[in-house]
Structure formats: C-alpha cells, structure tokens
Amino acid sequence: MRVVQTRSRRVVLGILLSALIVGVMLTIGQVPLAVSQPVTIPAKMVKGAIPMDGANPVWEGVPGVIVPLSGQLITTPMHPNISVKSVFVKAMTNGKEVGLRIEWQDQTKNDTAIGPQDFRDQAAIMFPVNTAGAPPFQCMGQSGGTTNIWRWNAEWQKDLGKDSAGIWDVDDQYPGIFWDYYFEEPAGGVTYPDRIGRSLGPFNPGIWSGNIMSDPTLRVSSVEDLNANGFSTLTTQAHQDVIGNGVWEPAGSLKGGGYTGPTWRVVVKRALETGDANDTQFKAGMSVPIAFAVWDGENIERNGMKALSTWFTLKL
C-alpha cells in the first residue's frame, strides 16, 4: 500500500473539518455507527420455555446487539425523517423454539388506527425463506427471493386486552358516538363474531373477505406471519405460526435493557421448524440472515414509510 503524505495545511484542515462536520451531523441525528456494531446476533441456549414477558429475568443474561436503522428511500412512499434510529436485539433458543426480544425508544404509545389521523406503532423481523446462498434484497425480497416477515402490531396488542367483543372498535375510540341506525346488541354485549355475523358483506367487507386485519379470530397473537418477494407483494400466510407480546414502558429502564425513557419491548417466538413451506426453517447451529423494521405511528409512519436495517446474521 502506498501512503501519500502532504505538507499542505489547507488540505489537512479540510480533511479534519469534513470529519468534524460528519461527526456532528451523526450526533445531532442520533445515527449509530454501523461499523462499531457486531454483525452477528448470537442466540443464547437456555433451558425451559422462552419467556414471552420481556422483563423476565431470563432475558437479563442474554447478550444484546444494537442494530442501526435508516429511512426507507428506495421506493414510494418514502420517509427520510424517521424517529427511531436503532433497535436493541436479543435472541435465545431452547433447541425447540427461537425467540427474539427487540426494544426501541418511542416517546408515545400509538396503538390504534381507528381515527383517520391515527397510525399504529409496529415492528417487523425478516428472514429469507431460502437460507442458502446470498440473501435477497433487504426491502421485502425480490422475485425468486421470498422473505418470511414477522410483523408485530401495537393495535393487535391492544385488541388482546379488549372485552368479549375482541377488537377495539369505533365506539371504544369515541365513547360519545351517536348513530341514527345500528344493529341493537343485547344486554351484556356480544362477541365480535356475533356482532359481525349480522352485518357481513355490506357493512364489514374486510371480515367478509377474510382479512386478518379486520377479523381478530384469524389471529393467534399480536404478530402476523407474512411473505413477500418484492414491493407490493406482502401477503398474509394462511397458517399463522408466530406468537408475540409487546409492552410499552413509560420509564424504559430495565436491567439488561438497551435504553432508558419510554420504550417498546416486544418478544416474538416460533418453533425452529414448521410444516409450512412459506416459513423460514431453523436448525441448531445454523446462521441465518435477519433484518428489522420499525414504524412510529406518532411520526405518521406506515407502509413503506419506516425505519429499516440492512441484513444482520442470527447465529443459533
């Protein structure tokens, strides 16, 4: 390697000034330096069930990795001014299941999209379905390179705590609502399937068409199991194999945690191997590409307007 030296003070000062400007901009934007982070996320071997509670002490001794995020600027809709700059990731396996805990700072809890002005907080974890060879395009894969996406949804998490109706509905969001004509409900309320059973088709096309976003009976948890092989190809799987649980912590401070202040802490897990050809299959000892995305509802982020990572490696 040939080293070029210069005695020009102007050149030296220019280089130092440029480096200083870059450092200041990264600091102001709270952009973590990817080169300072490991590219492998180790999954710690544990005994017993993987806890779905992110505050469980079992998670304390699991090593964590900060994964830098940046705005999606490849296709519309874009959103360069993201608010979440990184996620803190931990992984564990018990030989039968794989679990991940992801945390990120979020000053507000956005867990409903009932109102037209509302957008929900979300997070997603992505793997290639075919783990052999180079991973597909990091933005939802490509033709011939299908991805398996586990998308956690704060609104679905809210629905899990709802009463027998099973979903946070318009009358929950706006308790003072008045309508001149609506289906009467018996005293004590009804289950959500009963409610929508009387108005399938003309009043609930989402339910009638089998849309998992509209029908909570199609969900197994607050996580949706999906596939994609390029932009505009995101598809809900017929069989949902992933479960999850998310909690918004106003303080965020937790032993073994990554952040202080308001924080989302989400745990997702799945069996290492399933019978679904659309799922990524895991085996002990393998390394598999993994990527992340986060949406901040308060920052009107939805669809392609998100913060995302490049490919990392999950080591089982």
Protein backbone atom coordinates (compact mmCIF):
# COMPACT_ATOMS: atom_id res chain seq x y z
CA MET A 1 0.00 0.00 0.00
CA ARG A 2 1.35 3.39 -0.98
CA VAL A 3 1.00 6.15 1.61
CA VAL A 4 0.68 9.69 0.27
CA GLN A 5 1.89 12.47 2.54
CA THR A 6 1.15 16.15 2.28
CA ARG A 7 2.52 19.24 3.97
CA SER A 8 -0.38 21.43 2.88
CA ARG A 9 -2.10 22.82 5.97
CA ARG A 10 -5.13 23.67 3.86
CA VAL A 11 -5.61 20.03 2.80
CA VAL A 12 -5.13 18.72 6.34
CA LEU A 13 -7.55 21.27 7.82
CA GLY A 14 -10.09 20.49 5.10
CA ILE A 15 -9.99 16.78 5.91
CA LEU A 16 -10.32 17.40 9.66
CA LEU A 17 -13.17 19.85 9.14
CA SER A 18 -15.03 17.37 6.93
CA ALA A 19 -14.65 14.63 9.55
CA LEU A 20 -15.88 17.01 12.25
CA ILE A 21 -18.95 18.01 10.22
CA VAL A 22 -19.85 14.34 9.59
CA GLY A 23 -19.46 13.54 13.30
CA VAL A 24 -21.63 16.48 14.34
CA MET A 25 -24.37 15.55 11.84
CA LEU A 26 -24.41 11.93 13.03
CA THR A 27 -24.59 13.08 16.63
CA ILE A 28 -27.41 15.55 16.00
CA GLY A 29 -29.33 12.93 14.03
CA GLN A 30 -28.63 10.26 16.66
CA VAL A 31 -27.40 7.92 13.94
CA PRO A 32 -25.49 4.95 15.38
CA LEU A 33 -22.31 3.98 13.57
CA ALA A 34 -22.86 0.60 11.95
CA VAL A 35 -19.13 -0.09 11.75
CA SER A 36 -18.91 -0.11 15.54
CA GLN A 37 -21.52 -2.83 15.88
CA PRO A 38 -21.14 -6.60 15.52
CA VAL A 39 -22.93 -8.06 12.51
CA THR A 40 -23.87 -11.29 14.30
CA ILE A 41 -26.69 -11.64 16.82
CA PRO A 42 -25.95 -14.71 18.97
CA ALA A 43 -28.92 -16.76 20.20
CA LYS A 44 -28.19 -17.94 23.72
CA MET A 45 -29.08 -21.54 24.55
CA VAL A 46 -31.47 -21.73 27.51
CA LYS A 47 -33.37 -24.47 29.29
CA GLY A 48 -37.13 -24.45 29.56
CA ALA A 49 -39.70 -22.30 27.81
CA ILE A 50 -38.74 -18.99 26.22
CA PRO A 51 -40.47 -16.28 28.32
CA MET A 52 -42.89 -14.05 26.45
CA ASP A 53 -42.51 -11.36 29.11
CA GLY A 54 -39.66 -9.12 28.03
CA ALA A 55 -38.99 -8.16 31.66
CA ASN A 56 -38.43 -11.79 32.70
CA PRO A 57 -35.00 -12.18 34.41
CA VAL A 58 -34.10 -14.92 31.93
CA TRP A 59 -33.56 -12.20 29.32
CA GLU A 60 -31.07 -10.31 31.51
CA GLY A 61 -28.14 -12.62 30.81
CA VAL A 62 -28.70 -12.76 27.06
CA PRO A 63 -26.20 -10.67 25.03
CA GLY A 64 -27.74 -7.84 23.05
CA VAL A 65 -26.82 -6.05 19.83
CA ILE A 66 -27.74 -2.52 18.77
CA VAL A 67 -28.98 -2.60 15.16
CA PRO A 68 -28.83 0.78 13.32
CA LEU A 69 -31.87 1.85 11.32
CA SER A 70 -32.28 4.31 8.47
CA GLY A 71 -35.20 5.69 6.48
CA GLN A 72 -36.61 3.72 3.56
CA LEU A 73 -35.56 5.69 0.44
CA ILE A 74 -35.81 3.07 -2.30
CA THR A 75 -39.47 3.23 -3.31
CA THR A 76 -42.54 5.35 -2.59
CA PRO A 77 -43.86 6.13 -0.10
CA MET A 78 -40.52 7.23 1.39
CA HIS A 79 -39.89 8.80 4.78
CA PRO A 80 -36.33 10.02 5.38
CA ASN A 81 -37.17 11.75 8.67
CA ILE A 82 -37.55 8.66 10.82
CA SER A 83 -37.71 8.95 14.59
CA VAL A 84 -36.40 5.50 15.60
CA LYS A 85 -32.68 5.27 14.84
CA SER A 86 -31.90 1.84 16.30
CA VAL A 87 -33.29 -1.30 17.93
CA PHE A 88 -31.72 -3.36 20.70
CA VAL A 89 -31.99 -7.07 19.88
CA LYS A 90 -31.58 -10.21 22.00
CA ALA A 91 -32.12 -13.80 20.89
CA MET A 92 -32.41 -17.16 22.59
CA THR A 93 -33.26 -20.77 21.74
CA ASN A 94 -34.11 -23.83 23.78
CA GLY A 95 -33.48 -26.30 20.97
CA LYS A 96 -37.14 -26.36 20.00
CA GLU A 97 -38.03 -22.69 19.60
CA VAL A 98 -36.30 -19.45 18.73
CA GLY A 99 -37.23 -16.21 20.46
CA LEU A 100 -36.21 -12.59 19.95
CA ARG A 101 -36.67 -9.55 22.14
CA ILE A 102 -36.48 -6.20 20.37
CA GLU A 103 -36.56 -2.80 22.06
CA TRP A 104 -36.66 0.72 20.73
CA GLN A 105 -37.21 4.19 22.15
CA ASP A 106 -40.64 5.65 21.48
CA GLN A 107 -41.91 8.72 23.30
CA THR A 108 -45.58 7.95 22.59
CA LYS A 109 -47.76 4.86 22.65
CA ASN A 110 -49.73 4.62 19.39
CA ASP A 111 -51.91 1.53 19.48
CA THR A 112 -54.96 2.37 17.42
CA ALA A 113 -55.72 3.32 13.84
CA ILE A 114 -59.47 3.82 14.26
CA GLY A 115 -59.32 7.55 13.56
CA PRO A 116 -58.14 8.78 10.15
CA GLN A 117 -55.48 10.83 11.93
CA ASP A 118 -54.10 7.80 13.82
CA PHE A 119 -51.25 5.47 12.87
CA ARG A 120 -50.09 2.46 14.88
CA ASP A 121 -46.64 1.57 16.18
CA GLN A 122 -45.24 -1.56 14.53
CA ALA A 123 -42.09 -3.63 14.22
CA ALA A 124 -41.06 -6.40 11.83
CA ILE A 125 -38.40 -9.08 11.65
CA MET A 126 -37.50 -10.52 8.25
CA PHE A 127 -35.72 -13.71 7.14
CA PRO A 128 -35.15 -15.24 3.71
CA VAL A 129 -37.24 -18.37 3.18
CA ASN A 130 -34.32 -19.96 1.33
CA THR A 131 -31.38 -19.57 3.71
CA ALA A 132 -28.80 -21.00 1.29
CA GLY A 133 -26.66 -18.57 -0.69
CA ALA A 134 -26.80 -14.78 -0.67
CA PRO A 135 -29.85 -13.19 0.96
CA PRO A 136 -32.44 -11.47 -1.25
CA PHE A 137 -32.99 -7.72 -1.49
CA GLN A 138 -33.31 -6.28 2.02
CA CYS A 139 -36.52 -4.40 1.17
CA MET A 140 -39.01 -7.30 1.25
CA GLY A 141 -37.09 -9.60 -1.07
CA GLN A 142 -37.41 -9.97 -4.81
CA SER A 143 -38.77 -12.26 -7.49
CA GLY A 144 -37.28 -15.67 -6.74
CA GLY A 145 -36.12 -14.46 -3.32
CA THR A 146 -39.09 -14.82 -0.97
CA THR A 147 -38.89 -13.48 2.56
CA ASN A 148 -40.71 -14.51 5.73
CA ILE A 149 -41.78 -11.47 7.78
CA TRP A 150 -42.97 -11.45 11.40
CA ARG A 151 -44.84 -8.18 11.93
CA TRP A 152 -45.82 -7.11 15.44
CA ASN A 153 -48.71 -4.66 15.63
CA ALA A 154 -49.45 -2.41 18.65
CA GLU A 155 -53.12 -2.24 17.68
CA TRP A 156 -53.42 -6.03 17.73
CA GLN A 157 -51.72 -5.97 21.13
CA LYS A 158 -54.42 -3.57 22.33
CA ASP A 159 -57.14 -5.85 20.94
CA LEU A 160 -55.86 -8.72 23.08
CA GLY A 161 -56.82 -6.77 26.19
CA LYS A 162 -60.31 -5.98 24.91
CA ASP A 163 -63.51 -7.44 26.32
CA SER A 164 -65.53 -10.25 24.71
CA ALA A 165 -66.01 -8.24 21.53
CA GLY A 166 -62.34 -8.96 20.83
CA ILE A 167 -61.40 -5.79 18.96
CA TRP A 168 -61.02 -2.09 19.70
CA ASP A 169 -63.88 -0.61 17.70
CA VAL A 170 -65.20 2.82 16.78
CA ASP A 171 -67.47 3.03 19.83
CA ASP A 172 -64.45 2.32 22.08
CA GLN A 173 -62.38 5.05 20.47
CA TYR A 174 -65.27 7.53 20.54
CA PRO A 175 -67.46 6.63 23.56
CA GLY A 176 -69.75 9.60 22.92
CA ILE A 177 -70.57 8.42 19.41
CA PHE A 178 -74.22 8.55 18.28
CA TRP A 179 -75.78 6.82 15.30
CA ASP A 180 -79.33 7.05 13.99
CA TYR A 181 -79.44 3.40 12.96
CA TYR A 182 -77.32 0.46 14.05
CA PHE A 183 -77.80 -3.17 14.94
CA GLU A 184 -79.10 -3.49 18.50
CA GLU A 185 -76.98 -5.52 20.89
CA PRO A 186 -78.39 -7.49 23.83
CA ALA A 187 -77.58 -6.57 27.43
CA GLY A 188 -74.04 -7.61 28.33
CA GLY A 189 -72.72 -7.17 24.80
CA VAL A 190 -71.86 -9.79 22.22
CA THR A 191 -68.72 -11.44 20.93
CA TYR A 192 -67.10 -9.91 17.89
CA PRO A 193 -68.05 -12.83 15.59
CA ASP A 194 -71.68 -12.41 16.70
CA ARG A 195 -71.53 -8.71 16.04
CA ILE A 196 -70.13 -9.02 12.55
CA GLY A 197 -72.28 -12.09 11.77
CA ARG A 198 -75.31 -9.85 11.46
CA SER A 199 -73.67 -7.48 9.03
CA LEU A 200 -71.37 -9.47 6.77
CA GLY A 201 -70.89 -8.14 3.30
CA PRO A 202 -72.39 -4.65 3.05
CA PHE A 203 -71.15 -3.40 6.45
CA ASN A 204 -67.95 -5.41 7.01
CA PRO A 205 -66.27 -6.22 3.69
CA GLY A 206 -62.95 -6.78 5.48
CA ILE A 207 -64.45 -9.53 7.64
CA TRP A 208 -66.41 -10.96 4.74
CA SER A 209 -63.28 -11.24 2.57
CA GLY A 210 -61.24 -12.95 5.30
CA ASN A 211 -58.91 -10.02 6.00
CA ILE A 212 -56.84 -10.77 9.11
CA MET A 213 -56.56 -7.04 9.80
CA SER A 214 -60.35 -6.89 10.23
CA ASP A 215 -61.09 -10.25 11.85
CA PRO A 216 -59.32 -10.96 15.17
CA THR A 217 -60.48 -14.59 15.12
CA LEU A 218 -57.90 -15.25 12.37
CA ARG A 219 -55.01 -14.14 14.60
CA VAL A 220 -53.05 -16.23 17.07
CA SER A 221 -51.34 -13.27 18.80
CA SER A 222 -50.22 -9.68 18.17
CA VAL A 223 -47.82 -10.87 15.43
CA GLU A 224 -48.72 -11.50 11.79
CA ASP A 225 -46.86 -14.18 9.81
CA LEU A 226 -46.31 -12.93 6.23
CA ASN A 227 -44.42 -13.48 3.00
CA ALA A 228 -43.09 -11.06 0.40
CA ASN A 229 -40.98 -11.35 -2.73
CA GLY A 230 -40.69 -7.71 -3.67
CA PHE A 231 -42.52 -4.41 -3.34
CA SER A 232 -46.34 -4.61 -3.18
CA THR A 233 -46.34 -8.40 -2.69
CA LEU A 234 -46.85 -8.58 1.09
CA THR A 235 -49.19 -11.50 1.76
CA THR A 236 -50.65 -12.92 4.98
CA GLN A 237 -49.91 -16.60 5.42
CA ALA A 238 -52.84 -19.00 5.57
CA HIS A 239 -51.28 -20.60 8.66
CA GLN A 240 -50.05 -18.31 11.43
CA ASP A 241 -47.07 -19.83 13.29
CA VAL A 242 -45.54 -16.91 15.19
CA ILE A 243 -46.64 -15.55 18.57
CA GLY A 244 -45.65 -12.31 20.23
CA ASN A 245 -46.18 -9.93 23.11
CA GLY A 246 -45.34 -6.24 23.36
CA VAL A 247 -45.34 -3.78 26.27
CA TRP A 248 -44.78 -0.02 26.19
CA GLU A 249 -42.73 1.03 29.22
CA PRO A 250 -43.03 4.75 30.18
CA ALA A 251 -39.69 4.59 32.02
CA GLY A 252 -37.92 2.02 29.86
CA SER A 253 -35.20 1.36 32.42
CA LEU A 254 -34.69 -2.39 32.81
CA LYS A 255 -31.73 -4.49 33.88
CA GLY A 256 -30.22 -5.89 30.72
CA GLY A 257 -32.21 -3.43 28.59
CA GLY A 258 -30.86 -1.19 25.88
CA TYR A 259 -32.50 2.16 26.59
CA THR A 260 -33.89 4.46 29.25
CA GLY A 261 -37.03 6.52 28.83
CA PRO A 262 -40.25 5.48 27.04
CA THR A 263 -39.58 2.18 25.27
CA TRP A 264 -41.40 -0.54 23.39
CA ARG A 265 -40.26 -4.04 24.39
CA VAL A 266 -41.52 -6.83 22.12
CA VAL A 267 -40.91 -10.58 22.32
CA VAL A 268 -41.66 -12.91 19.40
CA LYS A 269 -41.05 -16.63 19.11
CA ARG A 270 -41.71 -19.61 16.85
CA ALA A 271 -40.85 -23.28 16.62
CA LEU A 272 -37.50 -23.85 14.90
CA GLU A 273 -39.14 -25.96 12.23
CA THR A 274 -42.72 -25.93 10.94
CA GLY A 275 -44.57 -27.82 8.27
CA ASP A 276 -45.19 -24.65 6.26
CA ALA A 277 -43.14 -24.27 3.08
CA ASN A 278 -43.63 -20.50 3.31
CA ASP A 279 -41.79 -20.34 6.65
CA THR A 280 -38.08 -19.94 7.21
CA GLN A 281 -36.82 -23.17 8.76
CA PHE A 282 -34.21 -23.03 11.52
CA LYS A 283 -31.80 -25.65 12.82
CA ALA A 284 -29.45 -25.63 15.77
CA GLY A 285 -26.01 -24.31 14.85
CA MET A 286 -27.08 -22.54 11.67
CA SER A 287 -26.62 -18.88 10.76
CA VAL A 288 -29.48 -17.11 9.01
CA PRO A 289 -29.81 -13.55 7.63
CA ILE A 290 -32.11 -11.30 9.67
CA ALA A 291 -33.32 -7.73 9.19
CA PHE A 292 -35.57 -5.35 11.12
CA ALA A 293 -38.05 -2.53 10.54
CA VAL A 294 -39.90 -0.14 12.88
CA TRP A 295 -42.82 2.22 12.36
CA ASP A 296 -43.53 5.14 14.72
CA GLY A 297 -47.23 5.96 14.49
CA GLU A 298 -46.74 9.39 16.06
CA ASN A 299 -44.41 10.22 13.17
CA ILE A 300 -47.16 9.22 10.69
CA GLU A 301 -45.12 6.20 9.59
CA ARG A 302 -46.95 3.42 7.74
CA ASN A 303 -46.47 1.13 4.76
CA GLY A 304 -43.11 1.95 3.12
CA MET A 305 -42.61 4.94 5.41
CA LYS A 306 -40.47 3.18 8.00
CA ALA A 307 -37.05 2.75 9.56
CA LEU A 308 -35.21 -0.36 8.42
CA SER A 309 -31.90 -2.15 8.82
CA THR A 310 -29.60 -3.96 6.47
CA TRP A 311 -29.08 -7.73 6.80
CA PHE A 312 -27.52 -8.96 10.03
CA THR A 313 -26.84 -12.60 10.94
CA LEU A 314 -28.71 -14.60 13.57
CA LYS A 315 -26.46 -17.35 14.93
CA LEU A 316 -28.30 -20.26 16.55
